[in-house]
C-alpha cells in the first residue's frame, strides 16, 4: 500500500507542486482581498429590505454586471477549493455569493449573517480596514 502511494507521489510530483503553488498564491491573495472587498459592502446592507442590485443601463452597466458576476464566481470557486487547502474558504464563498445574482439570494445572505460566528468574523475583517461593523 505504501509503495502504491509512493509511486503516485512520484508520478504526480509536478502536479502536486503546481497545486501547492496555486494554493499558496490564492491564500495570500485572499488574505489581502477579503478585508478590502468586505469594506465595499454598505454598513446597512443587511438592514434594508430592498435588495442591492447593480443597474444594467447601457453597455457600461452591463459590463459592470459581467465583471461583478465573474469576480463572484471566481471567489465562490476559490472558496470551495480553500475548504480543503489553506485559505479563507467560508469567507470567500460568502463574498462570492454576495456578488452573484440568483433567486433566493437575499434569504441566504440573511441566514448567513444571522449566524453569530460568521457575523463576528465579517465585522472583524471590516475593522482591519477601519470600516464600521455591519448592522443587522
N, C-alpha and C. Protein backbone atom coordinates (compact mmCIF):
# COMPACT_ATOMS: atom_id res chain seq x y z
N UNK A 1 0.83 -1.20 0.00
CA UNK A 1 0.00 0.00 0.00
C UNK A 1 0.87 1.26 0.00
N UNK A 2 1.91 1.29 0.84
CA UNK A 2 2.79 2.45 0.88
C UNK A 2 3.56 2.60 -0.42
N UNK A 3 3.91 1.49 -1.06
CA UNK A 3 4.59 1.56 -2.35
C UNK A 3 3.70 2.20 -3.41
N UNK A 4 2.40 1.87 -3.35
CA UNK A 4 1.45 2.45 -4.30
C UNK A 4 1.34 3.97 -4.10
N UNK A 5 1.23 4.40 -2.85
CA UNK A 5 1.14 5.83 -2.54
C UNK A 5 2.42 6.54 -2.96
N UNK A 6 3.56 5.91 -2.68
CA UNK A 6 4.85 6.49 -3.05
C UNK A 6 4.96 6.62 -4.57
N UNK A 7 4.51 5.61 -5.32
CA UNK A 7 4.57 5.67 -6.77
C UNK A 7 3.65 6.77 -7.31
N UNK A 8 2.49 6.97 -6.68
CA UNK A 8 1.60 8.06 -7.09
C UNK A 8 2.23 9.42 -6.83
N UNK A 9 2.88 9.57 -5.69
CA UNK A 9 3.55 10.84 -5.38
C UNK A 9 4.67 11.14 -6.37
N UNK A 10 5.42 10.13 -6.74
CA UNK A 10 6.50 10.32 -7.70
C UNK A 10 5.92 10.63 -9.07
N UNK A 11 4.87 9.91 -9.46
CA UNK A 11 4.27 10.08 -10.79
C UNK A 11 3.64 11.47 -10.95
N UNK A 12 2.99 11.95 -9.90
CA UNK A 12 2.27 13.24 -9.98
C UNK A 12 2.99 14.35 -9.22
N UNK A 13 4.28 14.25 -9.06
CA UNK A 13 5.04 15.24 -8.29
C UNK A 13 4.90 16.64 -8.88
N UNK A 14 5.00 16.76 -10.20
CA UNK A 14 4.89 18.08 -10.84
C UNK A 14 3.52 18.70 -10.58
N UNK A 15 2.46 17.90 -10.69
CA UNK A 15 1.11 18.41 -10.45
C UNK A 15 0.93 18.83 -8.99
N UNK A 16 1.48 18.08 -8.08
CA UNK A 16 1.38 18.43 -6.66
C UNK A 16 2.09 19.75 -6.37
N UNK A 17 3.22 19.96 -7.02
CA UNK A 17 3.95 21.22 -6.84
C UNK A 17 3.13 22.38 -7.40
N UNK A 18 2.55 22.20 -8.58
CA UNK A 18 1.73 23.26 -9.19
C UNK A 18 0.52 23.58 -8.32
N UNK A 19 -0.16 22.55 -7.83
CA UNK A 19 -1.32 22.77 -6.95
C UNK A 19 -0.89 23.47 -5.67
N UNK A 20 0.26 23.11 -5.13
CA UNK A 20 0.77 23.77 -3.92
C UNK A 20 1.07 25.23 -4.15
N UNK A 21 1.67 25.56 -5.28
CA UNK A 21 1.98 26.96 -5.60
C UNK A 21 0.70 27.76 -5.79
N UNK A 22 -0.25 27.19 -6.54
CA UNK A 22 -1.54 27.88 -6.75
C UNK A 22 -2.25 28.09 -5.43
N UNK A 23 -2.22 27.10 -4.57
CA UNK A 23 -2.86 27.20 -3.26
C UNK A 23 -2.23 28.31 -2.43
N UNK A 24 -0.91 28.41 -2.46
CA UNK A 24 -0.22 29.46 -1.70
C UNK A 24 -0.56 30.85 -2.24
N UNK A 25 -0.61 30.98 -3.56
CA UNK A 25 -0.94 32.27 -4.17
C UNK A 25 -2.38 32.67 -3.82
N UNK A 26 -3.31 31.75 -3.93
CA UNK A 26 -4.71 32.03 -3.61
C UNK A 26 -4.85 32.40 -2.14
N UNK A 27 -4.09 31.74 -1.27
CA UNK A 27 -4.12 32.04 0.16
C UNK A 27 -3.68 33.48 0.42
N UNK A 28 -2.57 33.89 -0.18
CA UNK A 28 -2.06 35.24 0.04
C UNK A 28 -3.01 36.28 -0.55
N UNK A 29 -3.52 36.02 -1.74
CA UNK A 29 -4.46 36.96 -2.37
C UNK A 29 -5.73 37.08 -1.53
N UNK A 30 -6.20 35.97 -0.98
CA UNK A 30 -7.42 36.02 -0.17
C UNK A 30 -7.19 36.80 1.12
N UNK A 31 -6.01 36.69 1.70
CA UNK A 31 -5.72 37.46 2.91
C UNK A 31 -5.74 38.96 2.65
N UNK A 32 -5.29 39.35 1.47
CA UNK A 32 -5.24 40.77 1.13
C UNK A 32 -6.61 41.26 0.64
N UNK A 33 -7.28 40.46 -0.16
CA UNK A 33 -8.51 40.92 -0.82
C UNK A 33 -9.74 40.90 0.06
N UNK A 34 -9.85 39.97 1.00
CA UNK A 34 -11.08 39.83 1.78
C UNK A 34 -11.45 41.10 2.56
N UNK A 35 -10.54 41.68 3.35
CA UNK A 35 -10.94 42.90 4.07
C UNK A 35 -11.32 44.04 3.12
N UNK A 36 -10.61 44.17 2.01
CA UNK A 36 -10.92 45.22 1.04
C UNK A 36 -12.32 45.02 0.46
N UNK A 37 -12.62 43.80 0.02
CA UNK A 37 -13.93 43.54 -0.57
C UNK A 37 -15.05 43.70 0.45
N UNK A 38 -14.82 43.27 1.68
CA UNK A 38 -15.84 43.45 2.72
C UNK A 38 -16.08 44.92 3.02
N UNK A 39 -15.06 45.75 2.86
CA UNK A 39 -15.23 47.18 3.13
C UNK A 39 -16.10 47.84 2.07
N UNK A 40 -16.26 47.22 0.92
CA UNK A 40 -17.08 47.79 -0.15
C UNK A 40 -18.57 47.52 0.04
N UNK A 41 -18.93 46.61 0.95
CA UNK A 41 -20.34 46.33 1.22
C UNK A 41 -20.86 47.40 2.17
N UNK A 42 -22.01 48.03 1.86
CA UNK A 42 -22.55 49.08 2.74
C UNK A 42 -22.85 48.54 4.14
N UNK A 43 -22.68 49.40 5.15
CA UNK A 43 -22.90 49.02 6.54
C UNK A 43 -24.33 48.52 6.76
N UNK A 44 -25.30 49.14 6.10
CA UNK A 44 -26.70 48.79 6.30
C UNK A 44 -27.20 47.75 5.28
N UNK A 45 -26.31 47.06 4.62
CA UNK A 45 -26.68 46.08 3.59
C UNK A 45 -27.66 45.04 4.11
N UNK A 46 -27.51 44.61 5.35
CA UNK A 46 -28.35 43.55 5.89
C UNK A 46 -29.58 44.08 6.63
N UNK A 47 -29.70 45.40 6.77
CA UNK A 47 -30.83 46.01 7.47
C UNK A 47 -31.94 46.36 6.49
N UNK A 48 -31.57 46.89 5.36
CA UNK A 48 -32.56 47.36 4.40
C UNK A 48 -33.34 46.20 3.80
N UNK A 49 -34.61 46.45 3.56
CA UNK A 49 -35.46 45.42 2.95
C UNK A 49 -35.23 45.31 1.45
N UNK A 50 -34.82 46.41 0.84
CA UNK A 50 -34.61 46.35 -0.60
C UNK A 50 -33.29 45.65 -0.91
N UNK A 51 -33.28 45.01 -2.04
CA UNK A 51 -32.06 44.33 -2.45
C UNK A 51 -31.17 45.32 -3.19
N UNK A 52 -29.87 45.15 -3.01
CA UNK A 52 -28.90 45.99 -3.70
C UNK A 52 -28.58 45.32 -5.03
N UNK A 53 -29.14 45.86 -6.10
CA UNK A 53 -28.87 45.30 -7.43
C UNK A 53 -28.12 46.34 -8.25
N UNK A 54 -27.22 45.86 -9.06
CA UNK A 54 -26.45 46.73 -9.92
C UNK A 54 -27.30 47.10 -11.13
N UNK A 55 -27.32 48.39 -11.46
CA UNK A 55 -28.08 48.85 -12.62
C UNK A 55 -27.42 48.36 -13.90
N UNK A 56 -28.25 47.93 -14.84
CA UNK A 56 -27.72 47.40 -16.10
C UNK A 56 -28.07 48.32 -17.27
N UNK A 57 -28.04 49.61 -17.05
CA UNK A 57 -28.37 50.56 -18.11
C UNK A 57 -27.15 50.75 -19.01
N UNK A 58 -27.34 50.49 -20.26
CA UNK A 58 -26.29 50.71 -21.25
C UNK A 58 -25.19 49.65 -21.20
N UNK A 59 -24.22 49.83 -22.06
CA UNK A 59 -23.09 48.90 -22.16
C UNK A 59 -22.23 48.93 -20.91
N UNK A 60 -22.02 50.12 -20.34
CA UNK A 60 -21.20 50.24 -19.12
C UNK A 60 -21.79 49.48 -17.95
N UNK A 61 -23.11 49.59 -17.77
CA UNK A 61 -23.78 48.87 -16.69
C UNK A 61 -23.72 47.37 -16.89
N UNK A 62 -23.90 46.96 -18.14
CA UNK A 62 -23.81 45.54 -18.44
C UNK A 62 -22.41 45.00 -18.19
N UNK A 63 -21.41 45.79 -18.54
CA UNK A 63 -20.02 45.39 -18.31
C UNK A 63 -19.73 45.25 -16.82
N UNK A 64 -20.27 46.16 -16.01
CA UNK A 64 -20.09 46.09 -14.56
C UNK A 64 -20.73 44.82 -14.01
N UNK A 65 -21.92 44.48 -14.48
CA UNK A 65 -22.60 43.27 -14.02
C UNK A 65 -21.80 42.03 -14.41
N UNK A 66 -21.27 42.00 -15.61
CA UNK A 66 -20.48 40.85 -16.06
C UNK A 66 -19.21 40.71 -15.21
N UNK A 67 -18.53 41.82 -14.94
CA UNK A 67 -17.31 41.78 -14.12
C UNK A 67 -17.65 41.35 -12.69
N UNK A 68 -18.71 41.93 -12.13
CA UNK A 68 -19.12 41.59 -10.77
C UNK A 68 -19.48 40.11 -10.66
N UNK A 69 -20.21 39.60 -11.63
CA UNK A 69 -20.58 38.19 -11.62
C UNK A 69 -19.36 37.29 -11.80
N UNK A 70 -18.43 37.70 -12.65
CA UNK A 70 -17.21 36.91 -12.85
C UNK A 70 -16.38 36.85 -11.58
N UNK A 71 -16.21 37.99 -10.92
CA UNK A 71 -15.45 38.02 -9.67
C UNK A 71 -16.16 37.17 -8.61
N UNK A 72 -17.49 37.26 -8.56
CA UNK A 72 -18.26 36.45 -7.61
C UNK A 72 -18.09 34.96 -7.86
N UNK A 73 -18.12 34.57 -9.12
CA UNK A 73 -17.95 33.16 -9.46
C UNK A 73 -16.54 32.67 -9.11
N UNK A 74 -15.53 33.50 -9.40
CA UNK A 74 -14.15 33.13 -9.05
C UNK A 74 -14.01 32.99 -7.54
N UNK A 75 -14.56 33.93 -6.78
CA UNK A 75 -14.49 33.85 -5.32
C UNK A 75 -15.22 32.62 -4.79
N UNK A 76 -16.37 32.31 -5.37
CA UNK A 76 -17.12 31.14 -4.94
C UNK A 76 -16.32 29.86 -5.19
N UNK A 77 -15.78 29.72 -6.39
CA UNK A 77 -14.99 28.53 -6.71
C UNK A 77 -13.70 28.47 -5.88
N UNK A 78 -13.03 29.61 -5.71
CA UNK A 78 -11.82 29.63 -4.89
C UNK A 78 -12.15 29.27 -3.45
N UNK A 79 -13.28 29.74 -2.96
CA UNK A 79 -13.70 29.41 -1.59
C UNK A 79 -13.94 27.92 -1.41
N UNK A 80 -14.55 27.31 -2.42
CA UNK A 80 -14.77 25.86 -2.35
C UNK A 80 -13.43 25.13 -2.33
N UNK A 81 -12.50 25.59 -3.16
CA UNK A 81 -11.16 24.98 -3.17
C UNK A 81 -10.47 25.20 -1.83
N UNK A 82 -10.64 26.40 -1.26
CA UNK A 82 -9.96 26.72 0.01
C UNK A 82 -10.56 25.99 1.20
N UNK A 83 -11.66 25.31 1.01
CA UNK A 83 -12.18 24.49 2.11
C UNK A 83 -11.24 23.32 2.40
N UNK A 84 -10.49 22.88 1.38
CA UNK A 84 -9.57 21.76 1.57
C UNK A 84 -8.10 22.17 1.44
N UNK A 85 -7.85 23.41 1.07
CA UNK A 85 -6.48 23.94 1.00
C UNK A 85 -6.40 25.15 1.92
N UNK A 86 -5.20 25.67 2.15
CA UNK A 86 -5.09 26.86 3.02
C UNK A 86 -5.83 28.06 2.43
N UNK A 87 -6.50 28.80 3.28
CA UNK A 87 -7.20 29.99 2.84
C UNK A 87 -8.47 30.22 3.62
N UNK A 88 -9.13 31.31 3.31
CA UNK A 88 -10.35 31.70 3.99
C UNK A 88 -11.54 31.23 3.16
N UNK A 89 -11.78 29.94 3.16
CA UNK A 89 -12.79 29.33 2.29
C UNK A 89 -14.19 29.83 2.51
N UNK A 90 -14.66 29.82 3.75
CA UNK A 90 -16.05 30.20 4.02
C UNK A 90 -16.27 31.68 3.69
N UNK A 91 -15.32 32.52 4.02
CA UNK A 91 -15.48 33.95 3.75
C UNK A 91 -15.44 34.21 2.24
N UNK A 92 -14.61 33.48 1.52
CA UNK A 92 -14.58 33.62 0.06
C UNK A 92 -15.91 33.19 -0.54
N UNK A 93 -16.47 32.12 -0.04
CA UNK A 93 -17.77 31.66 -0.53
C UNK A 93 -18.84 32.72 -0.26
N UNK A 94 -18.83 33.28 0.94
CA UNK A 94 -19.81 34.32 1.28
C UNK A 94 -19.68 35.53 0.37
N UNK A 95 -18.45 36.01 0.16
CA UNK A 95 -18.27 37.17 -0.70
C UNK A 95 -18.67 36.86 -2.14
N UNK A 96 -18.36 35.66 -2.60
CA UNK A 96 -18.79 35.26 -3.93
C UNK A 96 -20.30 35.27 -4.06
N UNK A 97 -20.99 34.74 -3.04
CA UNK A 97 -22.45 34.74 -3.06
C UNK A 97 -23.01 36.16 -3.02
N UNK A 98 -22.36 37.06 -2.27
CA UNK A 98 -22.82 38.45 -2.21
C UNK A 98 -22.74 39.11 -3.58
N UNK A 99 -21.76 38.73 -4.38
CA UNK A 99 -21.58 39.37 -5.69
C UNK A 99 -22.46 38.76 -6.78
N UNK A 100 -22.86 37.53 -6.63
CA UNK A 100 -23.69 36.87 -7.64
C UNK A 100 -25.15 37.28 -7.51
N UNK A 101 -25.89 37.13 -8.59
CA UNK A 101 -27.33 37.39 -8.58
C UNK A 101 -28.04 36.07 -8.88
N UNK A 102 -28.92 35.63 -7.98
CA UNK A 102 -29.70 34.41 -8.19
C UNK A 102 -30.93 34.47 -7.30
N UNK A 103 -31.99 33.71 -7.65
CA UNK A 103 -33.21 33.71 -6.84
C UNK A 103 -32.93 33.16 -5.44
N UNK A 104 -33.48 33.80 -4.43
CA UNK A 104 -33.29 33.35 -3.05
C UNK A 104 -32.00 33.85 -2.42
N UNK A 105 -31.29 34.72 -3.11
CA UNK A 105 -30.01 35.22 -2.61
C UNK A 105 -30.18 35.98 -1.30
N UNK A 106 -31.16 36.84 -1.22
CA UNK A 106 -31.35 37.67 -0.02
C UNK A 106 -31.61 36.79 1.21
N UNK A 107 -32.44 35.79 1.05
CA UNK A 107 -32.77 34.89 2.15
C UNK A 107 -31.52 34.15 2.63
N UNK A 108 -30.69 33.71 1.70
CA UNK A 108 -29.45 33.02 2.03
C UNK A 108 -28.46 33.95 2.73
N UNK A 109 -28.35 35.19 2.25
CA UNK A 109 -27.47 36.17 2.88
C UNK A 109 -27.89 36.43 4.32
N UNK A 110 -29.17 36.61 4.54
CA UNK A 110 -29.66 36.88 5.90
C UNK A 110 -29.44 35.69 6.81
N UNK A 111 -29.56 34.49 6.27
CA UNK A 111 -29.30 33.29 7.07
C UNK A 111 -27.83 33.25 7.50
N UNK A 112 -26.93 33.56 6.57
CA UNK A 112 -25.50 33.59 6.91
C UNK A 112 -25.18 34.67 7.92
N UNK A 113 -25.72 35.86 7.74
CA UNK A 113 -25.36 36.99 8.60
C UNK A 113 -25.97 36.83 9.99
N UNK A 114 -27.03 36.07 10.13
CA UNK A 114 -27.61 35.84 11.45
C UNK A 114 -26.90 34.74 12.22
N UNK A 115 -25.92 34.11 11.61
CA UNK A 115 -25.06 33.14 12.30
C UNK A 115 -23.98 33.94 13.02
N UNK A 116 -24.00 33.93 14.34
CA UNK A 116 -23.16 34.82 15.15
C UNK A 116 -21.66 34.72 14.85
N UNK A 117 -21.06 33.53 14.77
CA UNK A 117 -19.61 33.49 14.46
C UNK A 117 -19.27 34.10 13.10
N UNK A 118 -20.13 33.90 12.11
CA UNK A 118 -19.89 34.48 10.80
C UNK A 118 -20.00 36.00 10.87
N UNK A 119 -21.01 36.50 11.57
CA UNK A 119 -21.20 37.94 11.73
C UNK A 119 -19.98 38.58 12.40
N UNK A 120 -19.48 37.96 13.46
CA UNK A 120 -18.32 38.49 14.17
C UNK A 120 -17.08 38.49 13.28
N UNK A 121 -16.90 37.42 12.50
CA UNK A 121 -15.73 37.34 11.62
C UNK A 121 -15.78 38.40 10.53
N UNK A 122 -16.94 38.59 9.93
CA UNK A 122 -17.07 39.62 8.90
C UNK A 122 -16.79 41.01 9.46
N UNK A 123 -17.30 41.30 10.64
CA UNK A 123 -17.05 42.60 11.26
C UNK A 123 -15.59 42.75 11.67
N UNK A 124 -14.95 41.67 12.11
CA UNK A 124 -13.54 41.72 12.47
C UNK A 124 -12.70 42.06 11.23
N UNK A 125 -13.03 41.43 10.09
CA UNK A 125 -12.30 41.72 8.86
C UNK A 125 -12.54 43.15 8.40
N UNK A 126 -13.76 43.66 8.57
CA UNK A 126 -14.03 45.07 8.23
C UNK A 126 -13.22 46.01 9.10
N UNK A 127 -13.03 45.64 10.36
CA UNK A 127 -12.26 46.51 11.26
C UNK A 127 -10.79 46.60 10.85
N UNK A 128 -10.30 45.61 10.12
CA UNK A 128 -8.91 45.62 9.66
C UNK A 128 -8.65 46.73 8.65
N UNK A 129 -9.69 47.21 7.97
CA UNK A 129 -9.54 48.32 7.03
C UNK A 129 -10.26 49.56 7.55
N UNK A 130 -10.44 49.63 8.87
CA UNK A 130 -11.03 50.79 9.55
C UNK A 130 -12.41 51.17 9.03
N UNK A 131 -13.27 50.17 8.84
CA UNK A 131 -14.66 50.40 8.46
C UNK A 131 -15.56 49.99 9.61
N UNK A 132 -16.70 50.68 9.76
CA UNK A 132 -17.62 50.33 10.86
C UNK A 132 -18.23 48.94 10.65
N UNK A 133 -18.65 48.31 11.73
CA UNK A 133 -19.26 46.97 11.61
C UNK A 133 -20.61 47.02 10.91
N UNK A 134 -21.01 45.87 10.39
CA UNK A 134 -22.33 45.75 9.77
C UNK A 134 -23.41 45.92 10.82
N UNK A 135 -24.55 46.43 10.35
CA UNK A 135 -25.74 46.47 11.21
C UNK A 135 -26.66 45.35 10.75
N UNK A 136 -27.44 44.84 11.68
CA UNK A 136 -28.43 43.85 11.27
C UNK A 136 -29.70 44.02 12.06
